[in-house]
Amino acid sequence: MAGLKYYERTKLLIELIEKRKTGSPEDLAKKLQVHKRTVYRILDDLRLSESIEIVFCKESKSYIFSEKK
């Protein structure tokens, strides 16, 4: 059951990043109903598994996908 919740949260996180509507890490933790540390853990997992970088954009106040250099 915990794996399913993790998958659902990860899927939601990807959708929010694509829409550029994650907000700050604190806002994102509230949206995903997890602790801020869990947000960082999921982001780290995504960064390891994807060929693109995930960075926080101060202008849009959201995490965004960015190509790795």
N, C-alpha and C. Protein backbone atom coordinates (compact mmCIF):
# COMPACT_ATOMS: atom_id res chain seq x y z
N MET A 1 0.82 -1.20 0.00
CA MET A 1 0.00 0.00 0.00
C MET A 1 0.87 1.26 0.00
N ALA A 2 1.96 1.24 0.74
CA ALA A 2 2.82 2.42 0.80
C ALA A 2 3.43 2.72 -0.57
N GLY A 3 3.74 1.66 -1.34
CA GLY A 3 4.30 1.86 -2.67
C GLY A 3 3.33 2.58 -3.58
N LEU A 4 2.06 2.27 -3.46
CA LEU A 4 1.04 2.91 -4.28
C LEU A 4 0.95 4.40 -3.94
N LYS A 5 0.97 4.73 -2.66
CA LYS A 5 0.93 6.14 -2.27
C LYS A 5 2.14 6.87 -2.82
N TYR A 6 3.31 6.24 -2.73
CA TYR A 6 4.53 6.86 -3.24
C TYR A 6 4.40 7.10 -4.73
N TYR A 7 3.89 6.11 -5.46
CA TYR A 7 3.70 6.24 -6.91
C TYR A 7 2.73 7.37 -7.22
N GLU A 8 1.63 7.43 -6.50
CA GLU A 8 0.63 8.47 -6.74
C GLU A 8 1.20 9.86 -6.46
N ARG A 9 1.96 9.98 -5.39
CA ARG A 9 2.58 11.28 -5.07
C ARG A 9 3.60 11.67 -6.12
N THR A 10 4.38 10.70 -6.57
CA THR A 10 5.37 10.98 -7.60
C THR A 10 4.69 11.42 -8.89
N LYS A 11 3.63 10.75 -9.26
CA LYS A 11 2.89 11.10 -10.47
C LYS A 11 2.32 12.51 -10.36
N LEU A 12 1.74 12.84 -9.21
CA LEU A 12 1.21 14.19 -8.99
C LEU A 12 2.33 15.22 -9.05
N LEU A 13 3.46 14.90 -8.46
CA LEU A 13 4.59 15.82 -8.48
C LEU A 13 5.03 16.10 -9.92
N ILE A 14 5.12 15.07 -10.73
CA ILE A 14 5.51 15.25 -12.13
C ILE A 14 4.50 16.14 -12.85
N GLU A 15 3.22 15.92 -12.61
CA GLU A 15 2.18 16.75 -13.23
C GLU A 15 2.32 18.21 -12.81
N LEU A 16 2.56 18.44 -11.52
CA LEU A 16 2.72 19.82 -11.03
C LEU A 16 3.95 20.49 -11.61
N ILE A 17 5.04 19.72 -11.76
CA ILE A 17 6.25 20.28 -12.36
C ILE A 17 5.99 20.64 -13.81
N GLU A 18 5.31 19.77 -14.55
CA GLU A 18 5.02 20.05 -15.96
C GLU A 18 4.15 21.30 -16.11
N LYS A 19 3.25 21.53 -15.17
CA LYS A 19 2.38 22.70 -15.21
C LYS A 19 3.02 23.93 -14.57
N ARG A 20 4.19 23.72 -13.96
CA ARG A 20 4.91 24.79 -13.23
C ARG A 20 4.05 25.35 -12.11
N LYS A 21 3.44 24.45 -11.35
CA LYS A 21 2.57 24.87 -10.25
C LYS A 21 2.91 24.16 -8.94
N THR A 22 4.20 23.95 -8.70
CA THR A 22 4.57 23.27 -7.45
C THR A 22 4.58 24.22 -6.28
N GLY A 23 4.95 25.47 -6.52
CA GLY A 23 5.12 26.41 -5.42
C GLY A 23 6.42 26.11 -4.69
N SER A 24 6.57 26.68 -3.54
CA SER A 24 7.78 26.47 -2.73
C SER A 24 7.79 25.04 -2.20
N PRO A 25 8.94 24.59 -1.68
CA PRO A 25 8.98 23.24 -1.10
C PRO A 25 7.93 23.05 0.01
N GLU A 26 7.68 24.10 0.78
CA GLU A 26 6.67 24.02 1.84
C GLU A 26 5.27 23.86 1.25
N ASP A 27 4.98 24.65 0.20
CA ASP A 27 3.69 24.54 -0.48
C ASP A 27 3.51 23.16 -1.10
N LEU A 28 4.57 22.67 -1.71
CA LEU A 28 4.52 21.36 -2.36
C LEU A 28 4.27 20.26 -1.34
N ALA A 29 4.91 20.37 -0.19
CA ALA A 29 4.69 19.37 0.87
C ALA A 29 3.23 19.34 1.30
N LYS A 30 2.61 20.51 1.39
CA LYS A 30 1.19 20.57 1.74
C LYS A 30 0.33 19.95 0.66
N LYS A 31 0.65 20.22 -0.61
CA LYS A 31 -0.13 19.67 -1.72
C LYS A 31 -0.05 18.14 -1.76
N LEU A 32 1.14 17.61 -1.45
CA LEU A 32 1.34 16.16 -1.47
C LEU A 32 1.00 15.50 -0.13
N GLN A 33 0.72 16.32 0.87
CA GLN A 33 0.40 15.86 2.22
C GLN A 33 1.51 15.02 2.82
N VAL A 34 2.74 15.56 2.71
CA VAL A 34 3.92 14.90 3.27
C VAL A 34 4.80 15.96 3.93
N HIS A 35 5.85 15.50 4.58
CA HIS A 35 6.83 16.42 5.16
C HIS A 35 7.72 16.96 4.04
N LYS A 36 8.31 18.12 4.30
CA LYS A 36 9.18 18.74 3.31
C LYS A 36 10.35 17.81 2.95
N ARG A 37 10.86 17.08 3.91
CA ARG A 37 11.97 16.15 3.66
C ARG A 37 11.56 15.08 2.65
N THR A 38 10.32 14.64 2.70
CA THR A 38 9.82 13.64 1.76
C THR A 38 9.78 14.22 0.35
N VAL A 39 9.45 15.49 0.23
CA VAL A 39 9.45 16.16 -1.08
C VAL A 39 10.87 16.10 -1.66
N TYR A 40 11.87 16.43 -0.86
CA TYR A 40 13.25 16.40 -1.33
C TYR A 40 13.66 14.98 -1.71
N ARG A 41 13.20 14.00 -0.97
CA ARG A 41 13.53 12.60 -1.26
C ARG A 41 12.94 12.17 -2.61
N ILE A 42 11.68 12.53 -2.86
CA ILE A 42 11.05 12.18 -4.13
C ILE A 42 11.75 12.90 -5.28
N LEU A 43 12.08 14.17 -5.09
CA LEU A 43 12.79 14.92 -6.14
C LEU A 43 14.14 14.27 -6.43
N ASP A 44 14.85 13.85 -5.40
CA ASP A 44 16.14 13.18 -5.59
C ASP A 44 15.96 11.88 -6.37
N ASP A 45 14.93 11.11 -6.05
CA ASP A 45 14.66 9.87 -6.78
C ASP A 45 14.38 10.15 -8.25
N LEU A 46 13.60 11.19 -8.52
CA LEU A 46 13.29 11.55 -9.91
C LEU A 46 14.55 12.00 -10.66
N ARG A 47 15.38 12.75 -9.98
CA ARG A 47 16.62 13.23 -10.62
C ARG A 47 17.52 12.06 -11.00
N LEU A 48 17.54 11.03 -10.19
CA LEU A 48 18.37 9.87 -10.48
C LEU A 48 17.80 9.03 -11.62
N SER A 49 16.49 8.98 -11.73
CA SER A 49 15.87 8.09 -12.71
C SER A 49 15.60 8.76 -14.06
N GLU A 50 15.62 10.05 -14.13
CA GLU A 50 15.30 10.76 -15.37
C GLU A 50 16.56 11.33 -16.02
N SER A 51 16.49 11.59 -17.31
CA SER A 51 17.62 12.16 -18.04
C SER A 51 17.55 13.68 -18.07
N ILE A 52 16.66 14.25 -17.27
CA ILE A 52 16.53 15.69 -17.20
C ILE A 52 16.71 16.15 -15.76
N GLU A 53 17.09 17.39 -15.63
CA GLU A 53 17.32 17.97 -14.31
C GLU A 53 16.03 18.62 -13.81
N ILE A 54 15.86 18.61 -12.52
CA ILE A 54 14.73 19.30 -11.88
C ILE A 54 15.33 20.40 -11.03
N VAL A 55 14.94 21.63 -11.32
CA VAL A 55 15.49 22.78 -10.59
C VAL A 55 14.35 23.68 -10.13
N PHE A 56 14.62 24.49 -9.11
CA PHE A 56 13.62 25.44 -8.63
C PHE A 56 13.82 26.75 -9.36
N CYS A 57 12.78 27.24 -10.01
CA CYS A 57 12.81 28.51 -10.74
C CYS A 57 12.22 29.60 -9.85
N LYS A 58 13.04 30.57 -9.49
CA LYS A 58 12.57 31.65 -8.62
C LYS A 58 11.54 32.54 -9.31
N GLU A 59 11.67 32.69 -10.63
CA GLU A 59 10.73 33.54 -11.37
C GLU A 59 9.32 32.98 -11.35
N SER A 60 9.19 31.68 -11.62
CA SER A 60 7.85 31.08 -11.64
C SER A 60 7.46 30.50 -10.28
N LYS A 61 8.39 30.54 -9.33
CA LYS A 61 8.17 30.01 -7.99
C LYS A 61 7.67 28.57 -8.06
N SER A 62 8.39 27.77 -8.86
CA SER A 62 8.01 26.39 -9.06
C SER A 62 9.23 25.57 -9.47
N TYR A 63 9.18 24.28 -9.18
CA TYR A 63 10.19 23.38 -9.75
C TYR A 63 9.87 23.20 -11.22
N ILE A 64 10.92 23.09 -12.03
CA ILE A 64 10.74 22.91 -13.47
C ILE A 64 11.70 21.83 -13.95
N PHE A 65 11.38 21.26 -15.12
CA PHE A 65 12.29 20.33 -15.77
C PHE A 65 13.26 21.14 -16.61
N SER A 66 14.53 20.77 -16.58
CA SER A 66 15.56 21.45 -17.34
C SER A 66 16.50 20.37 -17.87
N GLU A 67 16.98 20.56 -19.10
CA GLU A 67 17.89 19.57 -19.67
C GLU A 67 19.21 19.56 -18.92
N LYS A 68 19.74 18.35 -18.71
CA LYS A 68 21.05 18.24 -18.05
C LYS A 68 22.12 18.73 -18.99
N LYS A 69 23.11 19.38 -18.42
CA LYS A 69 24.21 19.93 -19.24
C LYS A 69 25.34 18.95 -19.31
